[in-house]
Structures are given as C-alpha cells and as structure tokens.
Amino acid sequence: MPRPVRPFYDDIYQSSSLRPDIGPAIPYVGPTRPPLAGPYAFSRIPRPRVNIPRIFFSDMKKVPAPTWIFVNASTGYDGRTSIRKTVPDSITSWIISGFSLDPVYGLGVMEAPLTLKVFRPFFISINIPYSVVKGESVGVQVLVHNYMNRDVSAEVTLDNSDNQFYFTQDENEIESKLELFRTERVVVKSNSVNSVTFLITPKQLGTVDLHAKAASRQAGDEIIKPLLVKPPGQPQYLNTAAFLDLRSGRSDSVNITAKFPAKRVPESDFVKVSVVADILGPTLSNLDKLIELPTGCGEQNMINFVPDIIVLEYLQTSRQLTEPIREKAVKFLETGYQRELSYKHDDGSFSAFGKSDSSGSTWLTAFVVRAFISAKPHIYIDKGMWR
C-alpha cells in the first residue's frame, strides 16, 4: 500500500514549494502523479468514491464467472482497509490482485497476486452422462467426499418429489417403480471417497433436475444437477426461410406455419426461430468451408469453381477475407481454370469431356465464359478466350 498523506499545515509547509513571503502556510494538495513522472501523469484520475463499492456477483454453482468481486474502496490515513465477503459455494481457488492510487505517490501495484483456496471437508457430487434417451435406464452415481479426520456414515438420498423419473432396482428389473425418493447408507473412510448408484428411468423429455442429499451427524451437503433427456428415433429437420424487407419501412411481418410429420415421436416437437441481418448469414461461420478444389469433368469442375469466386468476393467485400483464405481460393481458382481448359474445343466451345465429344455445349460454353469473366479480377484469364 502507498504511504498515506499527512495533511498537516506544518508538514505541508516544509514539503511545499509554494511558500508565501509573509503569513501562514498555504494549504497545498499534492500532485496526483508519482515523483519524477510527466506533468500530466494520473492528473485526470478521480479519487475513489467512499463507501460506494462496485461488486459483481454470479451464481457460481451454475455458471462459474471469471470475476467474483471487483471493489473500489478508500483507505484511512494508515493506508489500510477491510473487506468482508462470503465466498461462493464452489470448491476452487481464487486469485486476488489489487492496485491503489495515491495523490502523491501515484499508482501502487501488488508485487505478486495472492491465492485464496475455498475448500469443504465434506461434500457430494453427481456423475451422470450428458444426455440419455427417454425410456432407457441410467445410473446416477453420487460421490461422497470425506476429508475430515474421522470416518463418516452418511445417508444419501435421491429426491423425486416432482415425479420426473422412475426408480429401477437393478438392470434386469423390467418394471420400474414410481417413488418420491430413495435412500442408501454408505460409510466413507477418512480422506477418501465412496459412491452410491441409483438406477432411474426418465419419464419426460427435456431437462430433469437430479436432487441428491447426503446427511450425517458430522456434516451434510446437497446438490442439484440437470440431466438432458432426448426423444428416441432419428431427428428430422424442416427449414422454412422468409425474407423481411425493411427498405420501405421500419417494420415488416411474415406468417410461417409450422408443419410436423404425422408419425413423429410425441412431445418431441421443437421450433427454433432465428433472424440474421444478412442474406448469407447462416453460412458466415463456416463460409471458408465452401471453398473446394474444382475436379471432375467440364461440368463438375465448374460446380466448385463458381462458388469459390462468390465466396472470395463476398469475404472481400465484407472485409472478412484473411490472407490464408485468399491464397487457398486463388490457388483453387487457378487449378480449376487450367482443368477447364482441357475440355475446350478448337472452335473455342466447351463440353463435358472436351474433344472426346463430337461438338461443344452451347450452355456449358456460356456458363464457362461468364465464370471466367467473374474470376478475371482474381486470377489470370487469357483475353483471347472470348474473342
């Protein structure tokens, strides 16, 4: 911490260069910059606002956040202050760093950050797969961690008060039972981990919250973990696109009717609506994947040649073109151009198999000439091709 400033007139008088010829000393506030710094160093940094800390909290059990607390506080004359906060319910380590600003000594930074370890001697965790299919059984493994200096006998309970799943006694049991909870007792040695497994069968689609508890005379803990239940069968996707034109007004609307197959799995319907302010928006994330090497006959070669031109021009116009993508696209265009020349007839026309065909194709020739004109800004094209 920087040394405090003693705003006493005697000290100020001895240290200040602003001394009047006669009369008492003039109260002088030290410059807001470190010694020997530039004339404007830290001159515009305001002092911390007293008793108005800025704190950002996050639900650490659901989404761990990179920052737990950011506090702006003022110290006393001794340069010390205390901040009391309750650590989040998460077993992890926090890195603490800080800096300070002083009117005279300027900026002070910690030499090395400190580490705060958050630990619990008794807690539980749930080990489950990411997702299961509705109707199949899954084992919910509840791990009991005991880091106390004594053995613990705990009762582990899996709650089902919302009737979201069935309990299954074992893997060979055909009929499942609907119970509100099931409890198992487990003995956990000191500084060790033991587990209990509950076999369940989800009865509904979507997210099922698994609520497990562990209780003993010495300690207890509980946890809630979601389990994704997917419908059986193979997913089918139906896409309906609509164009909204805002050039003539500030709003536009369109009606879209969702149609589902008649033999679909019950309760598996899902509708997703997305709006993109770009006609090519859905392909922007993987637009470079559309650049492929032209191969095949005269017609197949142009199937990949033309998309390479369109992607290259779009990325260049939207200022998203990178040098590796440009080099790849230009190389493929040059290869496709040379390959297409092998399917050219003596009269200047093109066909699918070149001179192996009796005559050229009018449609393919027009398409090739148009594509070559579009590719001319990017690669070398012989001017005599369309003369």
Foldseek 3Di string as FASTA:
>chain_A
DDAFDDQDQVVCQVPPPDADPDDGGDRDFAAQAAPPDDPCHRNPPDAFDAPDWDFDDDQCQPPNDLDHTDTTHDDDNRRDDDDDDDDHPDFDKDWDWDWDGHRYRGIGTDPGIDIDGDDDQWEKDWDFDQAEAAPDKTKIKIKIFHADPAKWKKKKKKAQQVQFKFWDPDPPDDDTHGDGMDIDIDIAGHRGMDIDITIIGGHDAAKDWIKMKMDTPVDIYIDIDIYGYAYDDDDDDDDDDDDFDPPVHNDDDDDDDDDDDPPDDPPRDDDDDDDDPDPCVVCVVPLLVLQDAQDAFLVSSVVNLQSLLVSVVVCVVVVNDDPVSLVSSLVSNVNSVVRNVQQAEPVLAGDRHRPVDPDHDPVSRVVVVVSVVSCVVRDPDDPPSVD
